[in-house]
Amino acid sequence: MISKHHLCTKNRPSGEICTNRCPSRQDCKTTKIPFLIEALDILVSEIETGELDEIPYISFKSYCIAPESYINELAFMQDSELEHPGITSAHCEYCDRSFLLTAEQKEKLKTDNFTKYYKTTYLYCCTSCREAHLKKLAVSKSTSTTSLKNHEYALVIHDADLSKRPKEREVHIITGNTRELRANALMEYLKSLTPVNGRRIMTSHDVQEFFLHKVSADNLKTSPGGAISAAWRTMKKCREMFDENITLIRINEKDIGIEYVNKVVLRADALYELLMSISVVEDKDYLTLNDVQMFLLNGVHDNICTLQDNSNVAAQATIKKCKQIHPTHISIFDIDENEKGIKFIK
């Protein structure tokens, strides 16, 4: 969909603003000049090249997608500047519609972005195409969507060597504000802990000590005076960002702790017990997806409770895991064309 934020080159080399007053606007095939080049910046690592059925290819591991907009340098050139041969076209990654930009800017976006910032850039003709493609790409479990505020800084704080790509180690999300970065660091540290009695737990005091003395990045450290506040805010943020694996627990009357768990399994076990208890009820011995959502939202314990925004996905994952763990005693059936139910069978 071509928006009003494009220039049409049909009657003038430098373009005229494309408006709905043009009678051929909807069916116009003229290549347009967008004021903004909509893009997705994808941070990558582990680049490999090869051939498949004699077709050359480049493959890479992606770990972060960030929506971005670049000013199209071509849109602000005068007619006299358009006579040189440095004008080229790019194709939208989603709808394959072409648009114009300078060859120099295309080189920056497609080549320099990788050599300087270790990212590949997808280009789009408009915002709607970018958002539609992002929605499809965002389902990947290996890639997270975020915003990039400063690419080199993002790499530096993760101890990456800017003279070469990060290799031979797992790459994590490294962008965001200080609280998000601390939450990522805390999550990674929790995962690395040796379980004690089968559990990975840190008290709020442990979290304070981590950000005072143990975290490697200096910009994530806190001061003694701000340690208590930083610990509490980071634990809360970690819970929001990693709902499937982080739970906040009561250590004692005065202290809150944070624990790394597999909530999907815990939720599946709790759901199984609930289904067993209602199986003796005659009027309704099953649960709907909405019932499971409410069960997780109102869970007695935080280790099975979910957040409102994640409740639908959490409910579906819990039902699937419950069926996997107890295949002979759990039945998933159609209530009608639009709704499924889950019940315990003896």
Protein backbone atom coordinates (compact mmCIF):
# COMPACT_ATOMS: atom_id res chain seq x y z
CA MET A 1 0.00 0.00 0.00
CA ILE A 2 1.58 3.27 -1.19
CA SER A 3 1.03 6.07 1.32
CA LYS A 4 1.05 9.85 0.99
CA HIS A 5 4.62 9.81 2.27
CA HIS A 6 5.98 8.89 -1.18
CA LEU A 7 7.08 10.92 -4.19
CA CYS A 8 5.86 9.88 -7.65
CA THR A 9 8.42 10.29 -10.48
CA LYS A 10 5.88 10.03 -13.33
CA ASN A 11 5.85 13.74 -14.26
CA ARG A 12 9.02 15.00 -12.58
CA PRO A 13 12.43 13.31 -12.02
CA SER A 14 12.71 14.46 -8.41
CA GLY A 15 9.13 13.42 -7.75
CA GLU A 16 5.85 14.96 -6.66
CA ILE A 17 3.95 14.06 -3.50
CA CYS A 18 1.70 11.10 -4.19
CA THR A 19 -1.87 12.01 -3.14
CA ASN A 20 -5.33 10.52 -3.47
CA ARG A 21 -6.20 13.27 -5.94
CA CYS A 22 -4.34 11.38 -8.63
CA PRO A 23 -6.96 9.32 -10.56
CA SER A 24 -4.50 6.50 -11.23
CA ARG A 25 -3.11 6.34 -7.69
CA GLN A 26 -4.48 2.91 -6.82
CA ASP A 27 -3.28 1.26 -10.04
CA CYS A 28 -0.13 3.33 -10.60
CA LYS A 29 2.92 1.24 -11.52
CA THR A 30 5.39 4.11 -11.38
CA THR A 31 8.34 3.46 -9.08
CA LYS A 32 8.01 5.67 -6.01
CA ILE A 33 10.48 7.53 -3.78
CA PRO A 34 9.52 7.10 -0.10
CA PHE A 35 10.46 9.92 2.29
CA LEU A 36 11.36 7.26 4.86
CA ILE A 37 12.84 3.86 4.14
CA GLU A 38 11.14 1.49 6.55
CA ALA A 39 13.41 -1.30 7.71
CA LEU A 40 14.04 -4.14 10.12
CA ASP A 41 17.55 -4.26 11.56
CA ILE A 42 18.45 -7.84 12.46
CA LEU A 43 21.48 -8.43 14.67
CA VAL A 44 23.29 -11.53 13.45
CA SER A 45 26.26 -13.79 14.13
CA GLU A 46 27.86 -16.99 12.82
CA ILE A 47 27.74 -16.09 9.13
CA GLU A 48 28.14 -19.00 6.70
CA THR A 49 28.27 -19.06 2.90
CA GLY A 50 27.73 -21.95 0.56
CA GLU A 51 25.79 -23.30 -2.40
CA LEU A 52 22.56 -25.30 -2.56
CA ASP A 53 21.69 -26.82 -5.94
CA GLU A 54 24.30 -24.49 -7.48
CA ILE A 55 22.56 -21.45 -5.95
CA PRO A 56 24.89 -19.36 -3.73
CA TYR A 57 23.51 -18.50 -0.29
CA ILE A 58 24.45 -16.72 2.94
CA SER A 59 23.06 -18.02 6.22
CA PHE A 60 23.34 -16.50 9.68
CA LYS A 61 22.05 -16.82 13.22
CA SER A 62 19.78 -13.95 14.20
CA TYR A 63 19.07 -12.96 17.77
CA CYS A 64 17.40 -9.55 17.73
CA ILE A 65 14.93 -7.75 15.41
CA ALA A 66 14.49 -3.99 15.66
CA PRO A 67 12.07 -1.86 13.58
CA GLU A 68 13.84 1.19 12.16
CA SER A 69 13.19 4.08 9.75
CA TYR A 70 15.86 5.78 7.64
CA ILE A 71 15.50 9.15 5.88
CA ASN A 72 15.64 8.54 2.13
CA GLU A 73 18.41 10.81 0.88
CA LEU A 74 17.01 10.69 -2.65
CA ALA A 75 13.73 12.33 -1.61
CA PHE A 76 15.55 15.55 -0.74
CA MET A 77 17.68 15.90 -3.89
CA GLN A 78 17.03 18.52 -6.56
CA ASP A 79 16.41 17.71 -10.24
CA SER A 80 19.97 18.71 -11.14
CA GLU A 81 21.39 16.23 -8.64
CA LEU A 82 19.39 13.36 -10.10
CA GLU A 83 21.29 13.37 -13.40
CA HIS A 84 24.22 11.37 -12.06
CA PRO A 85 24.01 7.53 -12.32
CA GLY A 86 24.03 6.93 -8.56
CA ILE A 87 20.32 6.09 -8.38
CA THR A 88 19.12 2.52 -7.93
CA SER A 89 16.09 0.61 -6.71
CA ALA A 90 15.39 -1.79 -3.88
CA HIS A 91 12.63 -4.33 -3.51
CA CYS A 92 10.30 -4.53 -0.53
CA GLU A 93 11.05 -7.69 1.47
CA TYR A 94 7.32 -8.31 1.96
CA CYS A 95 5.40 -7.34 -1.20
CA ASP A 96 8.34 -7.12 -3.64
CA ARG A 97 7.30 -3.63 -4.80
CA SER A 98 10.33 -1.58 -5.88
CA PHE A 99 11.26 1.91 -4.71
CA LEU A 100 14.11 4.32 -5.47
CA LEU A 101 17.08 5.34 -3.34
CA THR A 102 20.69 6.31 -3.91
CA ALA A 103 23.22 3.58 -4.60
CA GLU A 104 25.40 5.01 -1.82
CA GLN A 105 22.62 4.76 0.75
CA LYS A 106 21.73 1.23 -0.37
CA GLU A 107 25.37 0.25 0.12
CA LYS A 108 25.30 1.69 3.64
CA LEU A 109 22.11 -0.16 4.56
CA LYS A 110 22.94 -3.52 3.00
CA THR A 111 26.73 -3.69 3.51
CA ASP A 112 28.03 -1.08 5.97
CA ASN A 113 25.35 -1.95 8.53
CA PHE A 114 26.79 -5.45 8.70
CA THR A 115 30.49 -4.61 8.62
CA LYS A 116 30.11 -1.93 11.32
CA TYR A 117 27.28 -3.21 13.48
CA TYR A 118 26.96 -6.95 12.67
CA LYS A 119 23.39 -6.61 11.48
CA THR A 120 21.54 -7.27 8.26
CA THR A 121 18.83 -4.87 7.13
CA TYR A 122 15.52 -5.75 5.47
CA LEU A 123 13.99 -2.87 3.48
CA TYR A 124 10.27 -2.17 2.97
CA CYS A 125 8.19 0.14 0.79
CA CYS A 126 5.91 1.23 3.63
CA THR A 127 5.19 0.80 7.34
CA SER A 128 2.31 -1.63 6.80
CA CYS A 129 4.56 -4.07 4.90
CA ARG A 130 7.23 -3.85 7.59
CA GLU A 131 4.74 -4.47 10.41
CA ALA A 132 3.11 -7.36 8.55
CA HIS A 133 6.50 -9.02 7.98
CA LEU A 134 7.63 -8.33 11.55
CA LYS A 135 4.50 -10.05 12.85
CA LYS A 136 5.46 -13.19 10.94
CA LEU A 137 9.14 -13.07 11.90
CA ALA A 138 8.36 -12.45 15.58
CA VAL A 139 7.11 -16.03 16.08
CA SER A 140 10.72 -17.22 16.01
CA LYS A 141 11.82 -18.40 19.46
CA SER A 142 15.49 -17.67 18.68
CA THR A 143 14.89 -14.01 17.88
CA SER A 144 13.46 -11.29 20.10
CA THR A 145 11.99 -7.96 19.08
CA THR A 146 13.36 -4.83 20.70
CA SER A 147 14.70 -1.36 19.90
CA LEU A 148 18.30 -0.43 19.20
CA LYS A 149 19.40 2.82 20.80
CA ASN A 150 23.14 2.63 20.06
CA HIS A 151 24.49 -0.35 18.17
CA GLU A 152 28.17 -0.11 19.08
CA TYR A 153 27.32 0.56 22.72
CA ALA A 154 25.01 -2.47 22.72
CA LEU A 155 27.89 -4.66 21.60
CA VAL A 156 30.44 -3.10 23.95
CA ILE A 157 28.38 -3.67 27.08
CA HIS A 158 28.13 -7.33 26.14
CA ASP A 159 31.94 -7.57 25.97
CA ALA A 160 31.91 -8.08 22.21
CA ASP A 161 35.07 -7.38 20.22
CA LEU A 162 34.11 -4.74 17.65
CA SER A 163 36.94 -5.78 15.35
CA LYS A 164 35.13 -9.02 14.46
CA ARG A 165 31.79 -10.75 14.80
CA PRO A 166 30.98 -12.56 18.05
CA LYS A 167 31.56 -16.28 17.43
CA GLU A 168 31.56 -19.63 19.18
CA ARG A 169 29.36 -18.58 22.05
CA GLU A 170 25.67 -18.15 22.63
CA VAL A 171 24.44 -14.68 21.74
CA HIS A 172 21.76 -13.00 23.84
CA ILE A 173 19.60 -9.91 23.57
CA ILE A 174 21.86 -7.03 24.46
CA THR A 175 19.73 -3.95 23.87
CA GLY A 176 17.35 -1.90 25.97
CA ASN A 177 17.44 0.43 28.94
CA THR A 178 19.44 -0.21 32.12
CA ARG A 179 16.62 -2.03 33.88
CA GLU A 180 16.11 -4.39 30.92
CA LEU A 181 19.85 -5.04 30.69
CA ARG A 182 20.03 -5.79 34.41
CA ALA A 183 17.05 -8.14 34.09
CA ASN A 184 18.84 -10.02 31.28
CA ALA A 185 22.02 -10.24 33.34
CA LEU A 186 20.12 -11.49 36.39
CA MET A 187 18.31 -14.10 34.31
CA GLU A 188 21.57 -15.45 32.93
CA TYR A 189 23.15 -15.57 36.39
CA LEU A 190 20.14 -17.39 37.84
CA LYS A 191 20.33 -20.00 35.08
CA SER A 192 24.02 -20.57 35.81
CA LEU A 193 23.51 -21.26 39.53
CA THR A 194 24.06 -24.77 40.84
CA PRO A 195 20.66 -25.99 42.15
CA VAL A 196 20.38 -26.34 45.92
CA ASN A 197 17.78 -28.97 46.85
CA GLY A 198 16.72 -28.87 43.21
CA ARG A 199 16.06 -25.11 43.14
CA ARG A 200 17.82 -22.01 41.81
CA ILE A 201 16.94 -19.17 44.19
CA MET A 202 18.37 -15.74 45.03
CA THR A 203 17.22 -13.59 47.92
CA SER A 204 16.89 -9.83 47.47
CA HIS A 205 20.18 -9.51 49.38
CA ASP A 206 21.83 -11.90 46.88
CA VAL A 207 20.56 -9.73 44.04
CA GLN A 208 21.95 -6.62 45.71
CA GLU A 209 25.36 -8.30 46.07
CA PHE A 210 25.25 -9.38 42.42
CA PHE A 211 24.79 -5.83 41.14
CA LEU A 212 27.26 -4.38 43.64
CA HIS A 213 30.16 -6.78 43.07
CA LYS A 214 29.54 -9.64 40.62
CA VAL A 215 28.00 -8.25 37.43
CA SER A 216 30.77 -7.85 34.83
CA ALA A 217 29.53 -4.75 32.97
CA ASP A 218 30.38 -1.60 34.94
CA ASN A 219 27.36 0.29 33.58
CA LEU A 220 25.04 -2.29 35.19
CA LYS A 221 26.54 -1.99 38.67
CA THR A 222 24.69 -0.06 41.34
CA SER A 223 25.82 2.06 44.26
CA PRO A 224 25.45 0.89 47.89
CA GLY A 225 22.80 3.54 48.46
CA GLY A 226 20.72 2.38 45.50
CA ALA A 227 21.23 -1.37 45.83
CA ILE A 228 17.92 -2.15 47.56
CA SER A 229 15.87 -0.22 45.02
CA ALA A 230 17.85 -1.64 42.06
CA ALA A 231 17.40 -5.20 43.33
CA TRP A 232 13.64 -4.92 43.76
CA ARG A 233 13.05 -3.14 40.43
CA THR A 234 15.26 -5.62 38.58
CA MET A 235 13.52 -8.66 40.09
CA LYS A 236 10.15 -7.21 39.11
CA LYS A 237 11.36 -6.45 35.57
CA CYS A 238 12.87 -9.92 35.25
CA ARG A 239 9.49 -11.41 36.23
CA GLU A 240 7.76 -9.32 33.52
CA MET A 241 10.26 -10.16 30.78
CA PHE A 242 10.65 -13.89 31.50
CA ASP A 243 7.20 -14.96 32.63
CA GLU A 244 7.75 -18.61 31.66
CA ASN A 245 10.87 -19.06 33.78
CA ILE A 246 10.90 -16.50 36.59
CA THR A 247 8.84 -16.46 39.76
CA LEU A 248 9.00 -14.23 42.82
CA ILE A 249 8.81 -16.09 46.13
CA ARG A 250 8.38 -15.15 49.78
CA ILE A 251 11.58 -15.96 51.69
CA ASN A 252 10.25 -14.74 55.02
CA GLU A 253 8.05 -11.96 56.39
CA LYS A 254 10.56 -9.30 55.37
CA ASP A 255 12.26 -10.68 52.27
CA ILE A 256 11.27 -11.52 48.69
CA GLY A 257 13.35 -13.82 46.50
CA ILE A 258 13.53 -14.73 42.83
CA GLU A 259 13.59 -18.28 41.44
CA TYR A 260 14.35 -19.79 38.06
CA VAL A 261 11.76 -22.49 37.26
CA ASN A 262 10.09 -24.27 34.36
CA LYS A 263 6.60 -22.84 34.74
CA VAL A 264 5.11 -24.81 31.86
CA VAL A 265 5.67 -28.11 33.67
CA LEU A 266 4.46 -26.72 37.01
CA ARG A 267 1.35 -25.30 35.37
CA ALA A 268 0.67 -28.58 33.57
CA ASP A 269 0.88 -30.51 36.85
CA ALA A 270 -1.45 -28.03 38.57
CA LEU A 271 -3.90 -28.22 35.67
CA TYR A 272 -3.85 -32.01 35.80
CA GLU A 273 -4.73 -31.98 39.51
CA LEU A 274 -7.55 -29.49 38.85
CA LEU A 275 -8.97 -31.64 36.04
CA MET A 276 -8.89 -34.69 38.28
CA SER A 277 -10.80 -32.82 40.99
CA ILE A 278 -13.57 -31.64 38.65
CA SER A 279 -13.92 -34.97 36.84
CA VAL A 280 -16.50 -36.07 39.41
CA VAL A 281 -18.73 -33.04 38.72
CA GLU A 282 -21.66 -34.02 36.55
CA ASP A 283 -22.68 -30.68 35.01
CA LYS A 284 -19.21 -29.71 33.73
CA ASP A 285 -16.26 -32.06 33.95
CA TYR A 286 -14.05 -30.18 31.50
CA LEU A 287 -12.32 -26.81 31.08
CA THR A 288 -12.23 -24.42 28.14
CA LEU A 289 -9.23 -22.36 27.04
CA ASN A 290 -10.76 -19.35 28.81
CA ASP A 291 -11.13 -21.42 32.00
CA VAL A 292 -7.45 -22.34 31.88
CA GLN A 293 -6.51 -18.67 31.31
CA MET A 294 -8.47 -17.63 34.39
CA PHE A 295 -6.91 -20.49 36.38
CA LEU A 296 -3.42 -19.24 35.51
CA LEU A 297 -4.27 -15.58 36.09
CA ASN A 298 -5.71 -16.33 39.52
CA GLY A 299 -3.20 -19.02 40.50
CA VAL A 300 -2.69 -19.52 44.22
CA HIS A 301 1.10 -19.63 43.76
CA ASP A 302 3.23 -17.28 41.68
CA ASN A 303 5.10 -20.26 40.18
CA ILE A 304 2.01 -21.08 38.07
CA CYS A 305 0.51 -17.60 37.80
CA THR A 306 0.87 -15.70 34.52
CA LEU A 307 0.55 -12.10 33.39
CA GLN A 308 -2.55 -10.75 31.65
CA ASP A 309 -0.80 -10.06 28.33
CA ASN A 310 0.63 -13.58 28.23
CA SER A 311 -2.41 -15.51 29.49
CA ASN A 312 -3.66 -16.85 26.16
CA VAL A 313 -0.26 -18.15 25.05
CA ALA A 314 0.44 -19.55 28.53
CA ALA A 315 -2.91 -21.36 28.61
CA GLN A 316 -2.33 -22.99 25.22
CA ALA A 317 1.20 -24.08 26.19
CA THR A 318 -0.08 -25.49 29.50
CA ILE A 319 -2.81 -27.54 27.82
CA LYS A 320 -0.33 -28.92 25.29
CA LYS A 321 2.22 -29.81 27.98
CA CYS A 322 -0.45 -31.43 30.16
CA LYS A 323 -1.44 -33.66 27.25
CA GLN A 324 2.24 -34.54 26.60
CA ILE A 325 2.88 -35.51 30.23
CA HIS A 326 -0.38 -37.44 30.71
CA PRO A 327 -1.35 -38.67 27.22
CA THR A 328 -3.61 -41.50 28.43
CA HIS A 329 -5.56 -39.48 31.00
CA ILE A 330 -6.02 -36.15 29.22
CA SER A 331 -8.42 -35.63 26.34
CA ILE A 332 -8.61 -32.51 24.17
CA PHE A 333 -11.87 -32.32 22.22
CA ASP A 334 -13.98 -29.92 20.14
CA ILE A 335 -16.80 -28.20 22.01
CA ASP A 336 -17.92 -26.45 18.82
CA GLU A 337 -16.29 -25.05 15.66
CA ASN A 338 -14.47 -22.31 17.54
CA GLU A 339 -13.71 -23.79 20.93
CA LYS A 340 -11.88 -26.76 22.40
CA GLY A 341 -12.15 -28.39 25.80
CA ILE A 342 -9.79 -30.40 27.98
CA LYS A 343 -10.86 -33.10 30.46
CA PHE A 344 -9.51 -35.90 32.63
CA ILE A 345 -10.34 -39.46 31.57
CA LYS A 346 -9.84 -42.53 33.73
